[in-house]
Amino acid sequence: MSIYKPVSFPKMSPKSDREIQALTKAHYRTFTFRKTIRDFSERPIPEEAIKNCIRVASLAPSGANHQPWHFVAISSKITKIKIRDAAEREEKKFYSSINNDEWLQALEPIGTGPNKLHLETAPWLIVVFAERYGCKIDGTTYKNYYVPESVGIASGFLISAIHQAGLYCLVHTPNPMKFLTKICNRPASNKPVMILAIGHPAKNAKVPYAATLKKPLEQILTTIR
């Protein structure tokens, strides 16, 4: 017997083609201000604002609607220092490895290095975890589907919500990052994917020129009519 049960849902009010074009253009203009910064001010951010951004992320589509993600929001100074210390240990290994020469050359115009002060100074960190498999209350497990794709989409929703809130964020992916599972007290089923450092820009905040260069639409779009 099928357990599929269709239900009605709240629909958006219909819009004309002109309204759709205006809305998409305005949305694009808004996102031209999205920049990755590393210098955060000490201005605090309400916890409810962070929760609302995560609520937006929770609405992302996912494989079989299993929602294979978990978000850990951190404002604790002690925990942020622990994360920074652990991340910098891994980063120093990475930056000193000759095997990473090509990747380091690619990073040079961006100006990154092993010092990750932003992990401590940003008012909030959100650690994104992928749930490789689900766990029921009785301890049995079940398979999650399209986990990387689902978590990637949810992370995009989250970054968009952060920007729409007038905030800035930096995506940090230390490698390896198993230390995040321990610090955040997550189960073995959870795989850390990224850290988002979130806040307002410091007065002296700048971005690398290389990061302002985006591919034009004709390089990233193919239209088949």
N, C-alpha and C. Protein backbone atom coordinates (compact mmCIF):
# COMPACT_ATOMS: atom_id res chain seq x y z
N MET A 1 0.85 -1.20 0.00
CA MET A 1 0.00 0.00 0.00
C MET A 1 0.88 1.24 0.00
N SER A 2 0.59 2.17 -0.88
CA SER A 2 1.40 3.39 -0.99
C SER A 2 1.17 4.31 0.21
N ILE A 3 2.26 4.92 0.72
CA ILE A 3 2.13 5.88 1.82
C ILE A 3 2.26 7.31 1.30
N TYR A 4 2.30 7.44 -0.04
CA TYR A 4 2.36 8.77 -0.63
C TYR A 4 1.07 9.51 -0.35
N LYS A 5 1.19 10.76 0.17
CA LYS A 5 0.01 11.54 0.51
C LYS A 5 0.21 12.99 0.06
N PRO A 6 -0.35 13.37 -1.07
CA PRO A 6 -0.20 14.75 -1.54
C PRO A 6 -1.03 15.71 -0.70
N VAL A 7 -0.49 16.88 -0.43
CA VAL A 7 -1.20 17.91 0.35
C VAL A 7 -1.05 19.24 -0.38
N SER A 8 -1.95 20.16 -0.10
CA SER A 8 -1.86 21.50 -0.68
C SER A 8 -0.75 22.27 0.04
N PHE A 9 -0.30 23.35 -0.55
CA PHE A 9 0.78 24.15 0.04
C PHE A 9 0.51 25.63 -0.23
N PRO A 10 1.04 26.51 0.59
CA PRO A 10 0.84 27.95 0.37
C PRO A 10 1.60 28.41 -0.87
N LYS A 11 0.90 28.98 -1.81
CA LYS A 11 1.50 29.40 -3.07
C LYS A 11 1.82 30.90 -3.05
N MET A 12 2.89 31.24 -3.73
CA MET A 12 3.22 32.65 -3.89
C MET A 12 2.20 33.31 -4.81
N SER A 13 1.98 34.59 -4.62
CA SER A 13 1.07 35.30 -5.51
C SER A 13 1.68 35.36 -6.90
N PRO A 14 0.87 35.14 -7.93
CA PRO A 14 1.41 35.13 -9.30
C PRO A 14 1.94 36.51 -9.70
N LYS A 15 3.00 36.51 -10.50
CA LYS A 15 3.63 37.75 -10.93
C LYS A 15 3.71 37.80 -12.44
N SER A 16 3.66 39.00 -12.96
CA SER A 16 3.77 39.18 -14.40
C SER A 16 5.22 38.99 -14.83
N ASP A 17 5.43 38.81 -16.13
CA ASP A 17 6.78 38.68 -16.64
C ASP A 17 7.62 39.89 -16.29
N ARG A 18 7.02 41.06 -16.37
CA ARG A 18 7.75 42.29 -16.04
C ARG A 18 8.17 42.30 -14.57
N GLU A 19 7.26 41.87 -13.70
CA GLU A 19 7.60 41.81 -12.27
C GLU A 19 8.70 40.80 -12.01
N ILE A 20 8.63 39.67 -12.68
CA ILE A 20 9.66 38.64 -12.50
C ILE A 20 11.03 39.17 -12.92
N GLN A 21 11.08 39.84 -14.06
CA GLN A 21 12.35 40.40 -14.53
C GLN A 21 12.88 41.45 -13.56
N ALA A 22 11.99 42.28 -13.04
CA ALA A 22 12.41 43.32 -12.09
C ALA A 22 12.94 42.70 -10.80
N LEU A 23 12.26 41.67 -10.33
CA LEU A 23 12.67 41.02 -9.09
C LEU A 23 14.02 40.32 -9.25
N THR A 24 14.21 39.62 -10.37
CA THR A 24 15.48 38.93 -10.56
C THR A 24 16.63 39.91 -10.74
N LYS A 25 16.37 41.04 -11.39
CA LYS A 25 17.40 42.06 -11.55
C LYS A 25 17.76 42.67 -10.22
N ALA A 26 16.75 42.95 -9.38
CA ALA A 26 17.01 43.52 -8.06
C ALA A 26 17.77 42.53 -7.19
N HIS A 27 17.43 41.25 -7.30
CA HIS A 27 18.12 40.22 -6.53
C HIS A 27 19.60 40.15 -6.94
N TYR A 28 19.84 40.23 -8.23
CA TYR A 28 21.22 40.22 -8.72
C TYR A 28 21.98 41.43 -8.19
N ARG A 29 21.35 42.61 -8.22
CA ARG A 29 22.02 43.82 -7.71
C ARG A 29 22.38 43.66 -6.24
N THR A 30 21.47 43.07 -5.49
CA THR A 30 21.73 42.85 -4.06
C THR A 30 22.97 41.98 -3.87
N PHE A 31 23.10 40.96 -4.69
CA PHE A 31 24.21 40.03 -4.50
C PHE A 31 25.52 40.51 -5.09
N THR A 32 25.50 41.61 -5.85
CA THR A 32 26.78 42.17 -6.28
C THR A 32 27.54 42.74 -5.09
N PHE A 33 26.87 42.94 -3.96
CA PHE A 33 27.51 43.42 -2.74
C PHE A 33 28.05 42.27 -1.88
N ARG A 34 27.77 41.02 -2.29
CA ARG A 34 28.26 39.90 -1.50
C ARG A 34 29.76 39.75 -1.70
N LYS A 35 30.49 39.85 -0.59
CA LYS A 35 31.93 39.70 -0.63
C LYS A 35 32.37 38.86 0.57
N THR A 36 33.47 38.13 0.39
CA THR A 36 34.06 37.36 1.47
C THR A 36 35.08 38.24 2.18
N ILE A 37 34.90 38.43 3.47
CA ILE A 37 35.83 39.26 4.24
C ILE A 37 36.52 38.42 5.31
N ARG A 38 37.66 38.92 5.76
CA ARG A 38 38.40 38.24 6.83
C ARG A 38 38.57 39.11 8.07
N ASP A 39 38.16 40.35 7.96
CA ASP A 39 38.30 41.29 9.08
C ASP A 39 36.92 41.66 9.59
N PHE A 40 36.59 41.15 10.77
CA PHE A 40 35.27 41.35 11.35
C PHE A 40 35.32 42.36 12.50
N SER A 41 34.24 43.11 12.64
CA SER A 41 34.12 44.03 13.77
C SER A 41 33.62 43.25 15.00
N GLU A 42 33.65 43.90 16.15
CA GLU A 42 33.19 43.27 17.39
C GLU A 42 31.68 43.44 17.59
N ARG A 43 31.03 44.09 16.67
CA ARG A 43 29.58 44.31 16.81
C ARG A 43 28.86 42.98 16.91
N PRO A 44 28.08 42.77 17.96
CA PRO A 44 27.41 41.47 18.13
C PRO A 44 26.25 41.28 17.16
N ILE A 45 25.84 40.05 17.00
CA ILE A 45 24.70 39.69 16.15
C ILE A 45 23.70 38.93 17.01
N PRO A 46 22.42 39.31 16.97
CA PRO A 46 21.43 38.59 17.78
C PRO A 46 21.37 37.10 17.41
N GLU A 47 21.27 36.28 18.42
CA GLU A 47 21.20 34.83 18.18
C GLU A 47 20.00 34.47 17.32
N GLU A 48 18.90 35.17 17.49
CA GLU A 48 17.70 34.86 16.72
C GLU A 48 17.94 35.08 15.22
N ALA A 49 18.78 36.06 14.88
CA ALA A 49 19.09 36.30 13.47
C ALA A 49 19.83 35.10 12.88
N ILE A 50 20.76 34.54 13.64
CA ILE A 50 21.49 33.35 13.18
C ILE A 50 20.53 32.18 13.03
N LYS A 51 19.63 32.02 13.98
CA LYS A 51 18.65 30.93 13.90
C LYS A 51 17.75 31.09 12.68
N ASN A 52 17.38 32.32 12.37
CA ASN A 52 16.52 32.55 11.21
C ASN A 52 17.24 32.18 9.91
N CYS A 53 18.53 32.48 9.84
CA CYS A 53 19.31 32.11 8.65
C CYS A 53 19.36 30.59 8.50
N ILE A 54 19.51 29.89 9.63
CA ILE A 54 19.53 28.43 9.59
C ILE A 54 18.15 27.87 9.24
N ARG A 55 17.11 28.57 9.69
CA ARG A 55 15.76 28.16 9.29
C ARG A 55 15.61 28.21 7.77
N VAL A 56 16.18 29.24 7.15
CA VAL A 56 16.14 29.33 5.69
C VAL A 56 16.87 28.13 5.07
N ALA A 57 18.05 27.81 5.60
CA ALA A 57 18.82 26.67 5.09
C ALA A 57 18.03 25.37 5.21
N SER A 58 17.24 25.25 6.27
CA SER A 58 16.48 24.01 6.50
C SER A 58 15.39 23.79 5.47
N LEU A 59 15.06 24.82 4.68
CA LEU A 59 14.02 24.71 3.66
C LEU A 59 14.56 24.20 2.33
N ALA A 60 15.87 23.96 2.25
CA ALA A 60 16.48 23.52 0.99
C ALA A 60 15.97 22.14 0.59
N PRO A 61 15.90 21.87 -0.71
CA PRO A 61 15.53 20.52 -1.16
C PRO A 61 16.64 19.53 -0.84
N SER A 62 16.27 18.28 -0.67
CA SER A 62 17.28 17.25 -0.35
C SER A 62 16.83 15.91 -0.88
N GLY A 63 17.78 14.99 -1.04
CA GLY A 63 17.48 13.66 -1.54
C GLY A 63 16.49 12.93 -0.66
N ALA A 64 15.35 12.54 -1.22
CA ALA A 64 14.27 11.84 -0.50
C ALA A 64 13.76 12.65 0.70
N ASN A 65 14.05 13.96 0.70
CA ASN A 65 13.66 14.86 1.80
C ASN A 65 14.21 14.38 3.15
N HIS A 66 15.40 13.75 3.14
CA HIS A 66 15.99 13.29 4.39
C HIS A 66 16.71 14.40 5.14
N GLN A 67 16.93 15.53 4.48
CA GLN A 67 17.55 16.69 5.13
C GLN A 67 18.82 16.29 5.89
N PRO A 68 19.82 15.78 5.16
CA PRO A 68 21.00 15.20 5.81
C PRO A 68 22.03 16.24 6.24
N TRP A 69 21.63 17.16 7.08
CA TRP A 69 22.52 18.22 7.52
C TRP A 69 22.32 18.53 9.00
N HIS A 70 23.34 19.12 9.58
CA HIS A 70 23.24 19.62 10.94
C HIS A 70 24.11 20.86 11.03
N PHE A 71 23.62 21.87 11.73
CA PHE A 71 24.33 23.13 11.86
C PHE A 71 24.65 23.38 13.33
N VAL A 72 25.89 23.72 13.61
CA VAL A 72 26.29 24.06 14.98
C VAL A 72 26.67 25.54 14.98
N ALA A 73 25.89 26.35 15.69
CA ALA A 73 26.12 27.79 15.78
C ALA A 73 26.91 28.09 17.05
N ILE A 74 28.00 28.81 16.91
CA ILE A 74 28.94 29.01 18.03
C ILE A 74 29.23 30.50 18.23
N SER A 75 28.95 30.98 19.43
CA SER A 75 29.36 32.34 19.81
C SER A 75 30.34 32.29 20.98
N SER A 76 30.51 31.11 21.59
CA SER A 76 31.40 30.94 22.73
C SER A 76 32.84 31.29 22.35
N LYS A 77 33.41 32.24 23.06
CA LYS A 77 34.80 32.65 22.79
C LYS A 77 35.75 31.47 22.98
N ILE A 78 35.54 30.69 24.02
CA ILE A 78 36.43 29.55 24.31
C ILE A 78 36.39 28.55 23.17
N THR A 79 35.18 28.24 22.69
CA THR A 79 35.05 27.27 21.61
C THR A 79 35.64 27.80 20.32
N LYS A 80 35.45 29.07 20.05
CA LYS A 80 36.02 29.66 18.83
C LYS A 80 37.54 29.61 18.87
N ILE A 81 38.14 29.83 20.03
CA ILE A 81 39.60 29.75 20.16
C ILE A 81 40.07 28.32 19.92
N LYS A 82 39.33 27.35 20.45
CA LYS A 82 39.68 25.93 20.23
C LYS A 82 39.66 25.61 18.74
N ILE A 83 38.63 26.09 18.05
CA ILE A 83 38.51 25.82 16.62
C ILE A 83 39.64 26.51 15.86
N ARG A 84 39.94 27.74 16.22
CA ARG A 84 41.03 28.45 15.54
C ARG A 84 42.36 27.72 15.73
N ASP A 85 42.65 27.34 16.97
CA ASP A 85 43.92 26.65 17.26
C ASP A 85 44.05 25.36 16.45
N ALA A 86 42.98 24.57 16.44
CA ALA A 86 43.01 23.30 15.72
C ALA A 86 43.12 23.53 14.21
N ALA A 87 42.38 24.51 13.70
CA ALA A 87 42.42 24.81 12.26
C ALA A 87 43.81 25.29 11.85
N GLU A 88 44.43 26.14 12.66
CA GLU A 88 45.74 26.67 12.31
C GLU A 88 46.81 25.58 12.33
N ARG A 89 46.66 24.60 13.20
CA ARG A 89 47.62 23.48 13.20
C ARG A 89 47.57 22.75 11.86
N GLU A 90 46.36 22.51 11.37
CA GLU A 90 46.21 21.83 10.08
C GLU A 90 46.67 22.72 8.93
N GLU A 91 46.35 24.01 9.04
CA GLU A 91 46.72 24.93 7.96
C GLU A 91 48.24 25.07 7.83
N LYS A 92 48.95 25.07 8.95
CA LYS A 92 50.40 25.19 8.90
C LYS A 92 51.02 23.99 8.20
N LYS A 93 50.45 22.80 8.43
CA LYS A 93 50.91 21.61 7.73
C LYS A 93 50.66 21.75 6.22
N PHE A 94 49.50 22.26 5.90
CA PHE A 94 49.13 22.42 4.50
C PHE A 94 50.05 23.40 3.79
N TYR A 95 50.25 24.57 4.40
CA TYR A 95 51.04 25.61 3.75
C TYR A 95 52.53 25.27 3.69
N SER A 96 52.97 24.32 4.49
CA SER A 96 54.38 23.94 4.47
C SER A 96 54.64 22.73 3.59
N SER A 97 53.59 22.16 2.98
CA SER A 97 53.74 20.96 2.18
C SER A 97 54.04 21.32 0.73
N ILE A 98 55.12 20.78 0.21
CA ILE A 98 55.50 21.04 -1.18
C ILE A 98 54.50 20.42 -2.15
N ASN A 99 53.74 19.43 -1.68
CA ASN A 99 52.75 18.77 -2.53
C ASN A 99 51.59 19.69 -2.90
N ASN A 100 51.46 20.80 -2.16
CA ASN A 100 50.35 21.71 -2.40
C ASN A 100 50.78 22.96 -3.17
N ASP A 101 51.94 22.91 -3.84
CA ASP A 101 52.46 24.09 -4.52
C ASP A 101 51.47 24.70 -5.51
N GLU A 102 50.85 23.86 -6.32
CA GLU A 102 49.92 24.38 -7.34
C GLU A 102 48.73 25.08 -6.70
N TRP A 103 48.19 24.46 -5.66
CA TRP A 103 47.05 25.05 -4.94
C TRP A 103 47.46 26.34 -4.25
N LEU A 104 48.65 26.37 -3.67
CA LEU A 104 49.12 27.57 -3.01
C LEU A 104 49.32 28.71 -4.00
N GLN A 105 49.77 28.40 -5.19
CA GLN A 105 49.92 29.43 -6.22
C GLN A 105 48.56 30.01 -6.62
N ALA A 106 47.56 29.14 -6.64
CA ALA A 106 46.21 29.61 -6.96
C ALA A 106 45.66 30.51 -5.86
N LEU A 107 46.07 30.25 -4.63
CA LEU A 107 45.59 31.04 -3.49
C LEU A 107 46.33 32.37 -3.33
N GLU A 108 47.51 32.47 -3.91
CA GLU A 108 48.35 33.65 -3.67
C GLU A 108 47.63 34.98 -3.96
N PRO A 109 46.90 35.12 -5.07
CA PRO A 109 46.21 36.39 -5.33
C PRO A 109 45.11 36.70 -4.32
N ILE A 110 44.65 35.67 -3.61
CA ILE A 110 43.59 35.86 -2.62
C ILE A 110 44.17 36.32 -1.29
N GLY A 111 45.46 36.05 -1.07
CA GLY A 111 46.12 36.55 0.14
C GLY A 111 45.87 35.75 1.39
N THR A 112 45.52 34.48 1.26
CA THR A 112 45.28 33.67 2.45
C THR A 112 46.58 33.09 2.99
N GLY A 113 46.54 32.67 4.24
CA GLY A 113 47.69 32.07 4.89
C GLY A 113 47.24 31.22 6.05
N PRO A 114 48.17 30.69 6.83
CA PRO A 114 47.80 29.79 7.93
C PRO A 114 47.16 30.50 9.12
N ASN A 115 47.27 31.82 9.19
CA ASN A 115 46.67 32.57 10.30
C ASN A 115 45.16 32.72 10.05
N LYS A 116 44.36 32.21 10.98
CA LYS A 116 42.90 32.23 10.82
C LYS A 116 42.25 33.01 11.96
N LEU A 117 42.66 34.26 12.11
CA LEU A 117 42.15 35.12 13.18
C LEU A 117 40.63 35.26 13.10
N HIS A 118 40.09 35.24 11.90
CA HIS A 118 38.64 35.43 11.73
C HIS A 118 37.83 34.38 12.47
N LEU A 119 38.40 33.19 12.68
CA LEU A 119 37.67 32.15 13.39
C LEU A 119 37.46 32.51 14.86
N GLU A 120 38.25 33.44 15.34
CA GLU A 120 38.12 33.89 16.73
C GLU A 120 37.38 35.21 16.84
N THR A 121 37.57 36.11 15.88
CA THR A 121 37.01 37.45 16.00
C THR A 121 35.58 37.56 15.48
N ALA A 122 35.18 36.71 14.54
CA ALA A 122 33.80 36.77 14.05
C ALA A 122 32.84 36.49 15.19
N PRO A 123 31.77 37.26 15.32
CA PRO A 123 30.82 37.05 16.42
C PRO A 123 30.23 35.64 16.45
N TRP A 124 30.01 35.07 15.26
CA TRP A 124 29.43 33.73 15.19
C TRP A 124 30.18 32.87 14.19
N LEU A 125 30.28 31.60 14.51
CA LEU A 125 30.70 30.58 13.57
C LEU A 125 29.54 29.60 13.41
N ILE A 126 29.30 29.19 12.17
CA ILE A 126 28.36 28.09 11.94
C ILE A 126 29.15 26.97 11.29
N VAL A 127 29.18 25.82 11.93
CA VAL A 127 29.83 24.65 11.36
C VAL A 127 28.76 23.79 10.71
N VAL A 128 28.96 23.51 9.43
CA VAL A 128 27.99 22.72 8.67
C VAL A 128 28.46 21.27 8.64
N PHE A 129 27.58 20.38 9.05
CA PHE A 129 27.87 18.95 9.04
C PHE A 129 26.96 18.24 8.05
N ALA A 130 27.51 17.24 7.38
CA ALA A 130 26.72 16.36 6.52
C ALA A 130 26.45 15.06 7.27
N GLU A 131 25.20 14.65 7.30
CA GLU A 131 24.85 13.40 7.97
C GLU A 131 24.97 12.27 6.96
N ARG A 132 26.06 11.52 7.05
CA ARG A 132 26.33 10.47 6.07
C ARG A 132 25.27 9.38 6.11
N TYR A 133 24.70 9.17 7.27
CA TYR A 133 23.57 8.25 7.42
C TYR A 133 22.73 8.73 8.59
N GLY A 134 21.46 8.35 8.59
CA GLY A 134 20.57 8.77 9.66
C GLY A 134 20.51 7.74 10.77
N CYS A 135 20.17 8.20 11.96
CA CYS A 135 20.05 7.31 13.12
C CYS A 135 18.67 7.46 13.74
N LYS A 136 17.99 6.33 13.89
CA LYS A 136 16.68 6.34 14.54
C LYS A 136 16.84 6.33 16.05
N ILE A 137 15.73 6.56 16.75
CA ILE A 137 15.77 6.61 18.21
C ILE A 137 16.24 5.29 18.80
N ASP A 138 15.90 4.18 18.15
CA ASP A 138 16.28 2.86 18.68
C ASP A 138 17.73 2.48 18.33
N GLY A 139 18.45 3.39 17.66
CA GLY A 139 19.86 3.14 17.35
C GLY A 139 20.12 2.57 15.98
N THR A 140 19.07 2.14 15.29
CA THR A 140 19.25 1.63 13.93
C THR A 140 19.52 2.78 12.97
N THR A 141 20.16 2.45 11.87
CA THR A 141 20.54 3.49 10.92
C THR A 141 19.77 3.33 9.60
N TYR A 142 19.73 4.40 8.84
CA TYR A 142 19.12 4.35 7.52
C TYR A 142 19.96 5.20 6.57
N LYS A 143 19.84 4.92 5.30
CA LYS A 143 20.67 5.57 4.29
C LYS A 143 20.13 6.95 3.93
N ASN A 144 21.04 7.92 3.81
CA ASN A 144 20.69 9.22 3.25
C ASN A 144 21.16 9.26 1.80
N TYR A 145 20.48 10.05 0.99
CA TYR A 145 20.74 10.05 -0.44
C TYR A 145 21.20 11.43 -0.92
N TYR A 146 22.12 11.43 -1.88
CA TYR A 146 22.63 12.67 -2.46
C TYR A 146 23.06 13.66 -1.36
N VAL A 147 23.84 13.14 -0.43
CA VAL A 147 24.23 13.94 0.73
C VAL A 147 25.06 15.17 0.34
N PRO A 148 26.16 15.03 -0.43
CA PRO A 148 26.95 16.23 -0.78
C PRO A 148 26.13 17.28 -1.52
N GLU A 149 25.29 16.81 -2.46
CA GLU A 149 24.46 17.74 -3.22
C GLU A 149 23.47 18.46 -2.31
N SER A 150 22.82 17.71 -1.42
CA SER A 150 21.81 18.29 -0.54
C SER A 150 22.44 19.31 0.42
N VAL A 151 23.56 18.94 1.01
CA VAL A 151 24.22 19.85 1.95
C VAL A 151 24.76 21.08 1.22
N GLY A 152 25.23 20.88 -0.01
CA GLY A 152 25.70 22.02 -0.79
C GLY A 152 24.59 23.02 -1.07
N ILE A 153 23.41 22.51 -1.42
CA ILE A 153 22.28 23.40 -1.68
C ILE A 153 21.87 24.13 -0.41
N ALA A 154 21.80 23.41 0.71
CA ALA A 154 21.43 24.04 1.99
C ALA A 154 22.45 25.11 2.39
N SER A 155 23.72 24.85 2.13
CA SER A 155 24.76 25.82 2.45
C SER A 155 24.61 27.08 1.60
N GLY A 156 24.21 26.88 0.33
CA GLY A 156 23.94 28.04 -0.52
C GLY A 156 22.77 28.86 0.00
N PHE A 157 21.72 28.17 0.43
CA PHE A 157 20.59 28.87 1.04
C PHE A 157 21.06 29.68 2.25
N LEU A 158 21.92 29.06 3.07
CA LEU A 158 22.39 29.70 4.30
C LEU A 158 23.21 30.95 3.98
N ILE A 159 24.13 30.84 3.04
CA ILE A 159 24.96 31.99 2.67
C ILE A 159 24.10 33.11 2.10
N SER A 160 23.09 32.75 1.31
CA SER A 160 22.18 33.75 0.77
C SER A 160 21.42 34.46 1.88
N ALA A 161 20.95 33.70 2.86
CA ALA A 161 20.20 34.29 3.98
C ALA A 161 21.08 35.23 4.78
N ILE A 162 22.33 34.84 4.99
CA ILE A 162 23.27 35.68 5.72
C ILE A 162 23.47 37.00 4.99
N HIS A 163 23.64 36.93 3.68
CA HIS A 163 23.83 38.15 2.90
C HIS A 163 22.58 39.02 2.90
N GLN A 164 21.42 38.41 2.74
CA GLN A 164 20.17 39.17 2.72
C GLN A 164 19.93 39.87 4.05
N ALA A 165 20.54 39.35 5.12
CA ALA A 165 20.40 39.96 6.44
C ALA A 165 21.33 41.16 6.61
N GLY A 166 22.16 41.43 5.60
CA GLY A 166 23.11 42.54 5.71
C GLY A 166 24.39 42.16 6.41
N LEU A 167 24.65 40.86 6.51
CA LEU A 167 25.85 40.37 7.18
C LEU A 167 26.85 39.84 6.15
N TYR A 168 28.06 39.60 6.61
CA TYR A 168 29.12 39.06 5.76
C TYR A 168 29.58 37.72 6.33
N CYS A 169 30.07 36.86 5.45
CA CYS A 169 30.58 35.59 5.94
C CYS A 169 31.78 35.14 5.14
N LEU A 170 32.56 34.29 5.75
CA LEU A 170 33.72 33.69 5.10
C LEU A 170 33.57 32.18 5.21
N VAL A 171 33.72 31.51 4.08
CA VAL A 171 33.65 30.04 4.06
C VAL A 171 35.06 29.49 4.27
N HIS A 172 35.21 28.69 5.31
CA HIS A 172 36.52 28.12 5.62
C HIS A 172 36.42 26.60 5.64
N THR A 173 37.33 25.95 4.92
CA THR A 173 37.31 24.48 4.84
C THR A 173 38.68 23.93 5.18
N PRO A 174 39.03 23.88 6.47
CA PRO A 174 40.32 23.29 6.85
C PRO A 174 40.37 21.83 6.44
N ASN A 175 41.55 21.38 6.10
CA ASN A 175 41.70 20.00 5.64
C ASN A 175 42.92 19.35 6.28
N PRO A 176 42.72 18.28 7.06
CA PRO A 176 41.44 17.65 7.41
C PRO A 176 40.71 18.45 8.49
N MET A 177 39.46 18.14 8.70
CA MET A 177 38.68 18.90 9.68
C MET A 177 37.93 18.02 10.66
N LYS A 178 38.46 16.83 10.90
CA LYS A 178 37.81 15.92 11.84
C LYS A 178 37.73 16.50 13.25
N PHE A 179 38.63 17.43 13.56
CA PHE A 179 38.63 18.03 14.89
C PHE A 179 37.31 18.72 15.20
N LEU A 180 36.58 19.14 14.15
CA LEU A 180 35.31 19.83 14.37
C LEU A 180 34.25 18.88 14.95
N THR A 181 34.30 17.61 14.55
CA THR A 181 33.35 16.63 15.08
C THR A 181 33.50 16.51 16.58
N LYS A 182 34.75 16.49 17.06
CA LYS A 182 35.01 16.36 18.49
C LYS A 182 34.65 17.63 19.24
N ILE A 183 35.12 18.78 18.74
CA ILE A 183 34.87 20.05 19.43
C ILE A 183 33.37 20.34 19.52
N CYS A 184 32.66 20.03 18.44
CA CYS A 184 31.21 20.30 18.40
C CYS A 184 30.37 19.17 18.97
N ASN A 185 31.03 18.10 19.44
CA ASN A 185 30.34 16.98 20.09
C ASN A 185 29.28 16.36 19.19
N ARG A 186 29.68 16.09 17.94
CA ARG A 186 28.77 15.48 16.99
C ARG A 186 29.06 13.99 16.85
N PRO A 187 28.06 13.20 16.48
CA PRO A 187 28.25 11.74 16.35
C PRO A 187 29.08 11.39 15.13
N ALA A 188 29.49 10.14 15.06
CA ALA A 188 30.34 9.66 13.97
C ALA A 188 29.64 9.76 12.62
N SER A 189 28.31 9.79 12.62
CA SER A 189 27.57 9.90 11.36
C SER A 189 27.73 11.27 10.71
N ASN A 190 28.19 12.24 11.49
CA ASN A 190 28.30 13.61 11.00
C ASN A 190 29.69 13.90 10.46
N LYS A 191 29.74 14.36 9.23
CA LYS A 191 31.01 14.73 8.59
C LYS A 191 31.07 16.25 8.45
N PRO A 192 32.07 16.91 9.05
CA PRO A 192 32.16 18.37 8.91
C PRO A 192 32.46 18.76 7.47
N VAL A 193 31.78 19.76 7.00
CA VAL A 193 31.90 20.20 5.60
C VAL A 193 32.56 21.57 5.49
N MET A 194 32.16 22.49 6.35
CA MET A 194 32.71 23.84 6.28
C MET A 194 32.41 24.61 7.56
N ILE A 195 33.16 25.68 7.74
CA ILE A 195 32.90 26.65 8.80
C ILE A 195 32.53 27.97 8.14
N LEU A 196 31.46 28.59 8.59
CA LEU A 196 31.11 29.93 8.15
C LEU A 196 31.38 30.89 9.29
N ALA A 197 32.29 31.83 9.07
CA ALA A 197 32.53 32.92 10.02
C ALA A 197 31.62 34.07 9.62
N ILE A 198 30.83 34.58 10.57
CA ILE A 198 29.76 35.53 10.25
C ILE A 198 29.87 36.77 11.11
N GLY A 199 29.67 37.93 10.49
CA GLY A 199 29.68 39.16 11.25
C GLY A 199 29.56 40.39 10.38
N HIS A 200 29.83 41.54 11.00
CA HIS A 200 29.89 42.82 10.29
C HIS A 200 31.35 43.11 9.95
N PRO A 201 31.61 43.82 8.87
CA PRO A 201 33.00 44.11 8.50
C PRO A 201 33.64 45.12 9.45
N ALA A 202 34.92 44.92 9.74
CA ALA A 202 35.67 45.92 10.49
C ALA A 202 35.83 47.17 9.63
N LYS A 203 36.12 48.31 10.27
CA LYS A 203 36.25 49.56 9.52
C LYS A 203 37.35 49.47 8.46
N ASN A 204 38.40 48.73 8.75
CA ASN A 204 39.53 48.63 7.82
C ASN A 204 39.45 47.39 6.93
N ALA A 205 38.28 46.74 6.89
CA ALA A 205 38.14 45.51 6.11
C ALA A 205 38.32 45.79 4.62
N LYS A 206 39.06 44.94 3.97
CA LYS A 206 39.27 45.03 2.53
C LYS A 206 39.13 43.63 1.94
N VAL A 207 38.98 43.59 0.62
CA VAL A 207 38.93 42.30 -0.07
C VAL A 207 40.01 42.30 -1.14
N PRO A 208 40.56 41.13 -1.46
CA PRO A 208 41.58 41.08 -2.52
C PRO A 208 40.98 41.42 -3.88
N TYR A 209 41.72 42.16 -4.67
CA TYR A 209 41.25 42.54 -6.00
C TYR A 209 40.87 41.31 -6.82
N ALA A 210 41.65 40.25 -6.70
CA ALA A 210 41.40 39.03 -7.48
C ALA A 210 40.01 38.46 -7.20
N ALA A 211 39.53 38.67 -5.98
CA ALA A 211 38.22 38.12 -5.62
C ALA A 211 37.07 38.90 -6.23
N THR A 212 37.35 40.07 -6.76
CA THR A 212 36.29 40.88 -7.37
C THR A 212 36.08 40.53 -8.84
N LEU A 213 36.95 39.70 -9.37
CA LEU A 213 36.87 39.34 -10.79
C LEU A 213 35.96 38.12 -10.95
N LYS A 214 34.84 38.31 -11.59
CA LYS A 214 33.88 37.23 -11.82
C LYS A 214 33.74 36.97 -13.32
N LYS A 215 33.55 35.73 -13.68
CA LYS A 215 33.39 35.38 -15.08
C LYS A 215 32.12 36.03 -15.64
N PRO A 216 32.18 36.57 -16.85
CA PRO A 216 30.97 37.13 -17.46
C PRO A 216 29.97 36.04 -17.79
N LEU A 217 28.72 36.44 -17.95
CA LEU A 217 27.64 35.49 -18.17
C LEU A 217 27.88 34.59 -19.38
N GLU A 218 28.46 35.15 -20.45
CA GLU A 218 28.65 34.35 -21.66
C GLU A 218 29.65 33.22 -21.46
N GLN A 219 30.46 33.29 -20.41
CA GLN A 219 31.40 32.21 -20.12
C GLN A 219 30.81 31.10 -19.25
N ILE A 220 29.73 31.41 -18.56
CA ILE A 220 29.17 30.43 -17.62
C ILE A 220 27.79 29.95 -18.02
N LEU A 221 27.23 30.51 -19.11
CA LEU A 221 25.87 30.16 -19.49
C LEU A 221 25.80 29.67 -20.92
N THR A 222 25.14 28.55 -21.11
CA THR A 222 24.76 28.08 -22.43
C THR A 222 23.24 27.98 -22.45
N THR A 223 22.62 28.64 -23.41
CA THR A 223 21.15 28.62 -23.52
C THR A 223 20.74 27.76 -24.71
N ILE A 224 19.90 26.78 -24.47
CA ILE A 224 19.37 25.92 -25.53
C ILE A 224 17.88 26.19 -25.65
N ARG A 225 17.46 26.79 -26.76
CA ARG A 225 16.06 27.15 -26.94
C ARG A 225 15.35 26.13 -27.83
